[in-house]
Amino acid sequence: MRAAGVPGRLYCIEGVHEPAALLPDFHFLRLRDGMWETGLHERGQYAVTARFPVHEEAAACRHLLSGLLPDESG
């Protein structure tokens, strides 16, 4: 995330990157019930957008990053 220039306040990676000054709405990566979950926390609610088996941590990280980078397609 840092190498891609993503501001730390935009995301939370449970147990790894939990900024004290998160924005009210932020992207997240967390481990739940043996699955990595990615999504968006908005209005006090976690909205899971994807789940990955625990052995696919790299894929979950890529998914989180893709949600944080600007769409350059158009």
N, C-alpha and C. Protein backbone atom coordinates (compact mmCIF):
# COMPACT_ATOMS: atom_id res chain seq x y z
N MET A 1 0.82 -1.18 0.00
CA MET A 1 0.00 0.00 0.00
C MET A 1 0.87 1.25 0.00
N ARG A 2 1.88 1.24 0.85
CA ARG A 2 2.77 2.41 0.91
C ARG A 2 3.47 2.64 -0.42
N ALA A 3 3.97 1.56 -1.02
CA ALA A 3 4.68 1.69 -2.30
C ALA A 3 3.76 2.22 -3.39
N ALA A 4 2.48 1.94 -3.30
CA ALA A 4 1.51 2.42 -4.29
C ALA A 4 1.04 3.84 -3.97
N GLY A 5 1.47 4.38 -2.83
CA GLY A 5 1.10 5.74 -2.46
C GLY A 5 -0.29 5.88 -1.87
N VAL A 6 -0.84 4.80 -1.33
CA VAL A 6 -2.18 4.84 -0.74
C VAL A 6 -2.08 5.43 0.67
N PRO A 7 -2.81 6.52 0.94
CA PRO A 7 -2.78 7.10 2.29
C PRO A 7 -3.28 6.09 3.34
N GLY A 8 -2.56 5.99 4.42
CA GLY A 8 -2.86 5.02 5.47
C GLY A 8 -4.22 5.17 6.11
N ARG A 9 -4.80 6.37 6.06
CA ARG A 9 -6.11 6.60 6.68
C ARG A 9 -7.26 5.99 5.88
N LEU A 10 -6.97 5.51 4.66
CA LEU A 10 -8.02 4.98 3.79
C LEU A 10 -8.32 3.51 4.00
N TYR A 11 -7.48 2.83 4.79
CA TYR A 11 -7.66 1.38 4.90
C TYR A 11 -7.20 0.87 6.26
N CYS A 12 -7.72 -0.31 6.60
CA CYS A 12 -7.35 -1.00 7.83
C CYS A 12 -7.08 -2.46 7.48
N ILE A 13 -5.93 -2.94 7.89
CA ILE A 13 -5.60 -4.36 7.77
C ILE A 13 -5.51 -4.88 9.20
N GLU A 14 -6.52 -5.61 9.59
CA GLU A 14 -6.67 -6.04 10.97
C GLU A 14 -5.39 -6.70 11.50
N GLY A 15 -4.90 -6.17 12.62
CA GLY A 15 -3.72 -6.72 13.27
C GLY A 15 -2.40 -6.30 12.65
N VAL A 16 -2.45 -5.56 11.54
CA VAL A 16 -1.22 -5.17 10.84
C VAL A 16 -1.15 -3.66 10.67
N HIS A 17 -2.22 -3.08 10.15
CA HIS A 17 -2.26 -1.63 9.88
C HIS A 17 -3.61 -1.12 10.36
N GLU A 18 -3.62 -0.57 11.59
CA GLU A 18 -4.85 -0.05 12.19
C GLU A 18 -4.59 1.38 12.64
N PRO A 19 -4.70 2.33 11.71
CA PRO A 19 -4.39 3.72 12.04
C PRO A 19 -5.32 4.28 13.11
N ALA A 20 -4.78 5.13 13.95
CA ALA A 20 -5.58 5.76 15.01
C ALA A 20 -6.56 6.77 14.41
N ALA A 21 -6.22 7.32 13.25
CA ALA A 21 -7.06 8.36 12.65
C ALA A 21 -7.65 7.89 11.32
N LEU A 22 -8.39 6.79 11.36
CA LEU A 22 -9.07 6.32 10.16
C LEU A 22 -10.16 7.31 9.75
N LEU A 23 -10.45 7.36 8.48
CA LEU A 23 -11.60 8.13 8.01
C LEU A 23 -12.88 7.41 8.44
N PRO A 24 -14.02 8.08 8.47
CA PRO A 24 -15.27 7.40 8.85
C PRO A 24 -15.61 6.24 7.92
N ASP A 25 -15.29 6.37 6.64
CA ASP A 25 -15.49 5.30 5.67
C ASP A 25 -14.12 4.84 5.19
N PHE A 26 -13.87 3.54 5.24
CA PHE A 26 -12.54 3.03 4.87
C PHE A 26 -12.65 1.61 4.34
N HIS A 27 -11.63 1.22 3.59
CA HIS A 27 -11.54 -0.15 3.08
C HIS A 27 -10.89 -1.02 4.16
N PHE A 28 -11.17 -2.31 4.12
CA PHE A 28 -10.60 -3.19 5.15
C PHE A 28 -10.22 -4.54 4.57
N LEU A 29 -9.32 -5.18 5.29
CA LEU A 29 -8.93 -6.58 5.08
C LEU A 29 -8.89 -7.19 6.46
N ARG A 30 -9.63 -8.27 6.64
CA ARG A 30 -9.68 -8.91 7.96
C ARG A 30 -9.85 -10.41 7.79
N LEU A 31 -9.49 -11.13 8.83
CA LEU A 31 -9.62 -12.59 8.86
C LEU A 31 -10.83 -12.95 9.70
N ARG A 32 -11.78 -13.69 9.07
CA ARG A 32 -12.99 -14.12 9.76
C ARG A 32 -13.30 -15.56 9.37
N ASP A 33 -13.48 -16.40 10.36
CA ASP A 33 -13.89 -17.79 10.14
C ASP A 33 -13.02 -18.50 9.10
N GLY A 34 -11.72 -18.29 9.18
CA GLY A 34 -10.78 -18.95 8.27
C GLY A 34 -10.76 -18.40 6.86
N MET A 35 -11.36 -17.23 6.66
CA MET A 35 -11.39 -16.60 5.33
C MET A 35 -10.92 -15.14 5.46
N TRP A 36 -10.17 -14.69 4.45
CA TRP A 36 -9.85 -13.28 4.35
C TRP A 36 -11.05 -12.57 3.75
N GLU A 37 -11.45 -11.46 4.36
CA GLU A 37 -12.54 -10.66 3.83
C GLU A 37 -12.02 -9.27 3.48
N THR A 38 -12.45 -8.78 2.34
CA THR A 38 -12.17 -7.40 1.95
C THR A 38 -13.49 -6.69 1.76
N GLY A 39 -13.46 -5.39 1.92
CA GLY A 39 -14.69 -4.64 1.73
C GLY A 39 -14.55 -3.20 2.16
N LEU A 40 -15.69 -2.60 2.40
CA LEU A 40 -15.75 -1.19 2.75
C LEU A 40 -16.58 -1.03 4.03
N HIS A 41 -16.04 -0.24 4.94
CA HIS A 41 -16.75 0.11 6.16
C HIS A 41 -17.37 1.48 5.92
N GLU A 42 -18.72 1.53 5.92
CA GLU A 42 -19.43 2.77 5.69
C GLU A 42 -20.57 2.89 6.70
N ARG A 43 -20.74 4.09 7.22
CA ARG A 43 -21.85 4.36 8.15
C ARG A 43 -21.92 3.36 9.29
N GLY A 44 -20.76 2.96 9.78
CA GLY A 44 -20.70 2.05 10.92
C GLY A 44 -20.94 0.59 10.59
N GLN A 45 -21.05 0.25 9.31
CA GLN A 45 -21.32 -1.12 8.88
C GLN A 45 -20.18 -1.65 8.01
N TYR A 46 -19.84 -2.92 8.20
CA TYR A 46 -18.87 -3.58 7.34
C TYR A 46 -19.61 -4.23 6.17
N ALA A 47 -19.26 -3.87 4.95
CA ALA A 47 -19.85 -4.46 3.75
C ALA A 47 -18.75 -5.29 3.08
N VAL A 48 -18.84 -6.60 3.20
CA VAL A 48 -17.84 -7.50 2.61
C VAL A 48 -18.09 -7.59 1.11
N THR A 49 -17.04 -7.35 0.33
CA THR A 49 -17.16 -7.43 -1.12
C THR A 49 -16.54 -8.70 -1.70
N ALA A 50 -15.62 -9.32 -0.95
CA ALA A 50 -14.99 -10.55 -1.44
C ALA A 50 -14.45 -11.35 -0.26
N ARG A 51 -14.39 -12.66 -0.45
CA ARG A 51 -13.80 -13.57 0.54
C ARG A 51 -12.79 -14.46 -0.16
N PHE A 52 -11.70 -14.75 0.55
CA PHE A 52 -10.63 -15.57 0.01
C PHE A 52 -10.22 -16.60 1.05
N PRO A 53 -9.92 -17.83 0.64
CA PRO A 53 -9.40 -18.82 1.59
C PRO A 53 -8.14 -18.29 2.26
N VAL A 54 -7.89 -18.74 3.45
CA VAL A 54 -6.77 -18.23 4.24
C VAL A 54 -5.44 -18.38 3.50
N HIS A 55 -5.29 -19.40 2.66
CA HIS A 55 -4.02 -19.58 1.95
C HIS A 55 -3.89 -18.65 0.74
N GLU A 56 -4.92 -17.84 0.46
CA GLU A 56 -4.88 -16.89 -0.65
C GLU A 56 -4.76 -15.44 -0.15
N GLU A 57 -3.91 -15.26 0.84
CA GLU A 57 -3.72 -13.94 1.43
C GLU A 57 -3.25 -12.92 0.38
N ALA A 58 -2.36 -13.32 -0.52
CA ALA A 58 -1.86 -12.40 -1.54
C ALA A 58 -2.99 -11.93 -2.45
N ALA A 59 -3.89 -12.82 -2.81
CA ALA A 59 -5.04 -12.43 -3.65
C ALA A 59 -5.94 -11.45 -2.90
N ALA A 60 -6.14 -11.67 -1.62
CA ALA A 60 -6.96 -10.76 -0.82
C ALA A 60 -6.31 -9.38 -0.76
N CYS A 61 -5.00 -9.35 -0.60
CA CYS A 61 -4.28 -8.07 -0.56
C CYS A 61 -4.39 -7.35 -1.90
N ARG A 62 -4.27 -8.08 -3.00
CA ARG A 62 -4.43 -7.46 -4.32
C ARG A 62 -5.83 -6.89 -4.49
N HIS A 63 -6.83 -7.61 -4.00
CA HIS A 63 -8.20 -7.13 -4.10
C HIS A 63 -8.39 -5.84 -3.29
N LEU A 64 -7.84 -5.81 -2.10
CA LEU A 64 -7.90 -4.59 -1.29
C LEU A 64 -7.24 -3.43 -2.03
N LEU A 65 -6.06 -3.66 -2.57
CA LEU A 65 -5.33 -2.61 -3.27
C LEU A 65 -6.11 -2.13 -4.49
N SER A 66 -6.73 -3.03 -5.22
CA SER A 66 -7.47 -2.64 -6.42
C SER A 66 -8.63 -1.70 -6.08
N GLY A 67 -9.20 -1.85 -4.91
CA GLY A 67 -10.27 -0.96 -4.48
C GLY A 67 -9.80 0.41 -4.03
N LEU A 68 -8.50 0.51 -3.77
CA LEU A 68 -7.94 1.77 -3.28
C LEU A 68 -7.27 2.60 -4.37
N LEU A 69 -6.95 1.97 -5.49
CA LEU A 69 -6.28 2.68 -6.57
C LEU A 69 -7.32 3.29 -7.51
N PRO A 70 -7.01 4.47 -8.05
CA PRO A 70 -7.96 5.08 -8.99
C PRO A 70 -8.11 4.23 -10.24
N ASP A 71 -9.32 4.24 -10.78
CA ASP A 71 -9.61 3.52 -12.02
C ASP A 71 -9.07 4.36 -13.19
N GLU A 72 -8.11 3.83 -13.90
CA GLU A 72 -7.48 4.56 -14.98
C GLU A 72 -8.01 4.13 -16.34
N SER A 73 -9.15 3.46 -16.38
CA SER A 73 -9.67 2.97 -17.65
C SER A 73 -10.47 4.01 -18.41
N GLY A 74 -10.82 5.09 -17.76
CA GLY A 74 -11.67 5.94 -18.52
C GLY A 74 -11.75 7.34 -18.18
